[in-house]
């Protein structure tokens, strides 16, 4: 039997005192991704659980990048990868400490022959560290889905709800947000 984690979370959240958050590619932003390290630094023995949680969350972008890299072994090293989302959380334009941005940077560094189609509906241009890469193209959702061999949903933006399973036939899909149903 295969269990879908998103179905389990949805079921658990029917209970009035339960609100399980959605899994994703890591924790980003200007406070939750950074501030716990100040506590760990100040009182390391008392903050072991905080340190452990941050180590786990800090490792998630590399874990996701490795899953996408595995898909490249299926589709070929020159495959086109649609990376949906760069922001650190859904429906914002803030890229600070973004795990999705870290994932894309890691992929670009390790896969020079792949082509990356970046879709981020909340910004008007790529950030500088991506803009200078020759194998990256800032794209709209429709074109990226059409062109891609691999689709990586990295942020649960509402705009990505427009993607249907029928749009993804013959593509490898890695959805770390549960957005594609």
Protein backbone atom coordinates (compact mmCIF):
# COMPACT_ATOMS: atom_id res chain seq x y z
CA UNK A 1 0.00 0.00 0.00
CA UNK A 2 1.28 3.48 -0.91
CA UNK A 3 0.27 6.33 1.35
CA UNK A 4 0.22 9.91 0.12
CA UNK A 5 1.63 12.19 2.83
CA UNK A 6 -0.52 15.09 1.62
CA UNK A 7 -3.69 13.02 2.00
CA UNK A 8 -2.62 12.04 5.52
CA UNK A 9 -1.95 15.67 6.47
CA UNK A 10 -5.30 16.75 5.04
CA UNK A 11 -7.04 14.00 7.03
CA UNK A 12 -5.19 14.84 10.27
CA UNK A 13 -6.01 18.54 9.86
CA UNK A 14 -9.73 17.75 10.12
CA UNK A 15 -9.20 17.55 13.87
CA UNK A 16 -9.93 20.97 15.43
CA UNK A 17 -6.64 21.14 17.36
CA UNK A 18 -4.35 19.87 14.61
CA UNK A 19 -2.69 22.02 11.97
CA UNK A 20 0.12 20.07 10.36
CA UNK A 21 2.09 22.29 8.01
CA UNK A 22 2.88 21.21 4.47
CA UNK A 23 6.32 19.74 3.80
CA UNK A 24 8.57 21.59 1.40
CA UNK A 25 12.15 21.98 0.20
CA UNK A 26 13.40 23.44 3.48
CA UNK A 27 12.85 26.48 5.67
CA UNK A 28 13.72 29.94 4.41
CA UNK A 29 13.15 33.58 5.10
CA UNK A 30 14.88 36.21 7.12
CA UNK A 31 14.04 34.93 10.62
CA UNK A 32 13.10 31.25 11.07
CA UNK A 33 15.98 30.06 8.89
CA UNK A 34 18.50 32.27 10.71
CA UNK A 35 17.40 33.23 14.24
CA UNK A 36 17.48 29.74 15.81
CA UNK A 37 21.22 29.64 15.17
CA UNK A 38 21.63 32.63 17.52
CA UNK A 39 20.02 30.59 20.30
CA UNK A 40 22.16 27.55 19.49
CA UNK A 41 25.26 29.73 19.53
CA UNK A 42 24.37 31.30 22.89
CA UNK A 43 23.34 28.11 24.73
CA UNK A 44 24.41 25.06 22.70
CA UNK A 45 23.77 22.46 25.41
CA UNK A 46 20.25 23.68 26.10
CA UNK A 47 19.41 24.13 22.41
CA UNK A 48 20.28 20.68 21.08
CA UNK A 49 16.74 20.08 19.77
CA UNK A 50 16.76 23.43 17.97
CA UNK A 51 20.16 22.63 16.45
CA UNK A 52 18.95 19.21 15.32
CA UNK A 53 15.83 20.72 13.71
CA UNK A 54 17.90 23.32 11.87
CA UNK A 55 20.42 20.71 10.66
CA UNK A 56 17.55 18.63 9.25
CA UNK A 57 15.89 21.61 7.57
CA UNK A 58 19.19 23.02 6.31
CA UNK A 59 19.93 19.70 4.58
CA UNK A 60 16.61 19.57 2.71
CA UNK A 61 17.65 21.71 -0.30
CA UNK A 62 20.56 19.39 -1.07
CA UNK A 63 18.26 16.37 -0.65
CA UNK A 64 15.80 17.88 -3.16
CA UNK A 65 18.60 18.87 -5.56
CA UNK A 66 19.85 15.27 -5.44
CA UNK A 67 16.36 13.95 -6.31
CA UNK A 68 16.25 16.27 -9.33
CA UNK A 69 19.78 15.17 -10.28
CA UNK A 70 18.58 11.55 -10.20
CA UNK A 71 15.84 12.51 -12.66
CA UNK A 72 18.53 13.79 -15.00
CA UNK A 73 19.95 10.27 -15.18
CA UNK A 74 16.56 9.19 -16.57
CA UNK A 75 16.00 12.09 -18.99
CA UNK A 76 19.63 12.76 -19.96
CA UNK A 77 22.21 15.33 -18.93
CA UNK A 78 20.96 17.92 -21.43
CA UNK A 79 17.34 17.73 -20.29
CA UNK A 80 15.21 20.83 -19.72
CA UNK A 81 14.16 21.33 -16.12
CA UNK A 82 11.28 23.62 -15.18
CA UNK A 83 11.91 24.93 -11.67
CA UNK A 84 8.65 26.29 -10.35
CA UNK A 85 9.25 28.89 -7.67
CA UNK A 86 12.21 30.68 -6.11
CA UNK A 87 10.62 32.50 -3.15
CA UNK A 88 11.09 31.17 0.36
CA UNK A 89 7.34 30.56 0.79
CA UNK A 90 4.17 30.62 -1.33
CA UNK A 91 2.70 33.75 -2.87
CA UNK A 92 5.44 36.23 -1.99
CA UNK A 93 8.40 37.76 -3.84
CA UNK A 94 10.96 37.40 -1.04
CA UNK A 95 13.99 35.27 -1.96
CA UNK A 96 15.96 35.75 1.29
CA UNK A 97 17.40 32.46 2.56
CA UNK A 98 15.23 30.65 0.00
CA UNK A 99 15.75 26.88 -0.10
CA UNK A 100 14.38 26.86 -3.65
CA UNK A 101 16.98 29.36 -4.81
CA UNK A 102 19.66 27.22 -3.13
CA UNK A 103 18.34 24.15 -4.97
CA UNK A 104 18.52 25.90 -8.35
CA UNK A 105 22.03 27.22 -7.64
CA UNK A 106 23.19 23.72 -6.67
CA UNK A 107 21.68 22.18 -9.82
CA UNK A 108 23.16 24.80 -12.14
CA UNK A 109 26.59 24.34 -10.55
CA UNK A 110 26.48 20.54 -11.03
CA UNK A 111 24.69 20.22 -14.38
CA UNK A 112 26.20 22.54 -16.96
CA UNK A 113 24.57 20.69 -19.89
CA UNK A 114 21.02 20.91 -18.53
CA UNK A 115 18.73 23.80 -19.39
CA UNK A 116 16.80 25.44 -16.53
CA UNK A 117 13.46 27.14 -17.10
CA UNK A 118 12.80 29.27 -14.01
CA UNK A 119 9.21 30.24 -13.20
CA UNK A 120 8.64 32.71 -10.39
CA UNK A 121 5.40 34.64 -10.86
CA UNK A 122 6.15 37.11 -8.06
CA UNK A 123 9.32 38.68 -9.48
CA UNK A 124 10.00 40.46 -12.77
CA UNK A 125 13.56 39.28 -13.38
CA UNK A 126 15.98 36.63 -12.22
CA UNK A 127 18.19 37.39 -9.23
CA UNK A 128 21.74 38.39 -10.13
CA UNK A 129 23.32 35.05 -9.17
CA UNK A 130 21.09 33.28 -11.73
CA UNK A 131 20.92 35.99 -14.37
CA UNK A 132 24.57 35.49 -15.33
CA UNK A 133 24.24 31.73 -15.96
CA UNK A 134 24.11 30.73 -19.63
CA UNK A 135 21.85 27.70 -19.12
CA UNK A 136 19.04 29.51 -17.29
CA UNK A 137 15.98 31.09 -18.85
CA UNK A 138 13.32 33.10 -16.98
CA UNK A 139 10.07 31.64 -18.27
CA UNK A 140 6.32 31.75 -17.85
CA UNK A 141 4.48 28.73 -16.46
CA UNK A 142 2.81 27.60 -19.67
CA UNK A 143 5.99 27.63 -21.78
CA UNK A 144 8.13 26.03 -19.07
CA UNK A 145 5.70 23.13 -18.62
CA UNK A 146 5.45 22.64 -22.37
CA UNK A 147 9.24 22.61 -22.93
CA UNK A 148 10.41 20.74 -19.83
CA UNK A 149 11.47 17.13 -19.54
CA UNK A 150 11.54 17.45 -15.74
CA UNK A 151 9.20 19.61 -13.66
CA UNK A 152 10.32 20.50 -10.14
CA UNK A 153 7.66 22.23 -8.06
CA UNK A 154 9.72 24.01 -5.41
CA UNK A 155 7.22 26.55 -4.01
CA UNK A 156 3.48 26.11 -3.54
CA UNK A 157 2.45 29.34 -5.29
CA UNK A 158 -1.29 29.55 -6.03
CA UNK A 159 -0.45 30.19 -9.68
CA UNK A 160 0.92 26.65 -9.95
CA UNK A 161 -2.53 25.19 -9.28
CA UNK A 162 -3.15 25.79 -12.99
CA UNK A 163 -0.84 22.85 -13.78
CA UNK A 164 -2.81 19.66 -14.34
CA UNK A 165 -1.54 16.11 -14.40
CA UNK A 166 -2.56 15.90 -18.05
CA UNK A 167 0.05 18.66 -18.75
CA UNK A 168 2.78 16.45 -17.31
CA UNK A 169 2.51 13.30 -19.39
CA UNK A 170 5.97 11.87 -20.21
CA UNK A 171 7.68 14.27 -17.79
CA UNK A 172 9.44 13.43 -14.56
CA UNK A 173 7.69 15.42 -11.82
CA UNK A 174 9.25 16.22 -8.47
CA UNK A 175 6.70 18.10 -6.39
CA UNK A 176 7.95 18.88 -2.90
CA UNK A 177 4.90 21.03 -2.16
CA UNK A 178 1.93 18.78 -2.94
CA UNK A 179 0.62 21.52 -5.28
CA UNK A 180 0.08 19.27 -8.30
CA UNK A 181 -2.93 17.00 -7.88
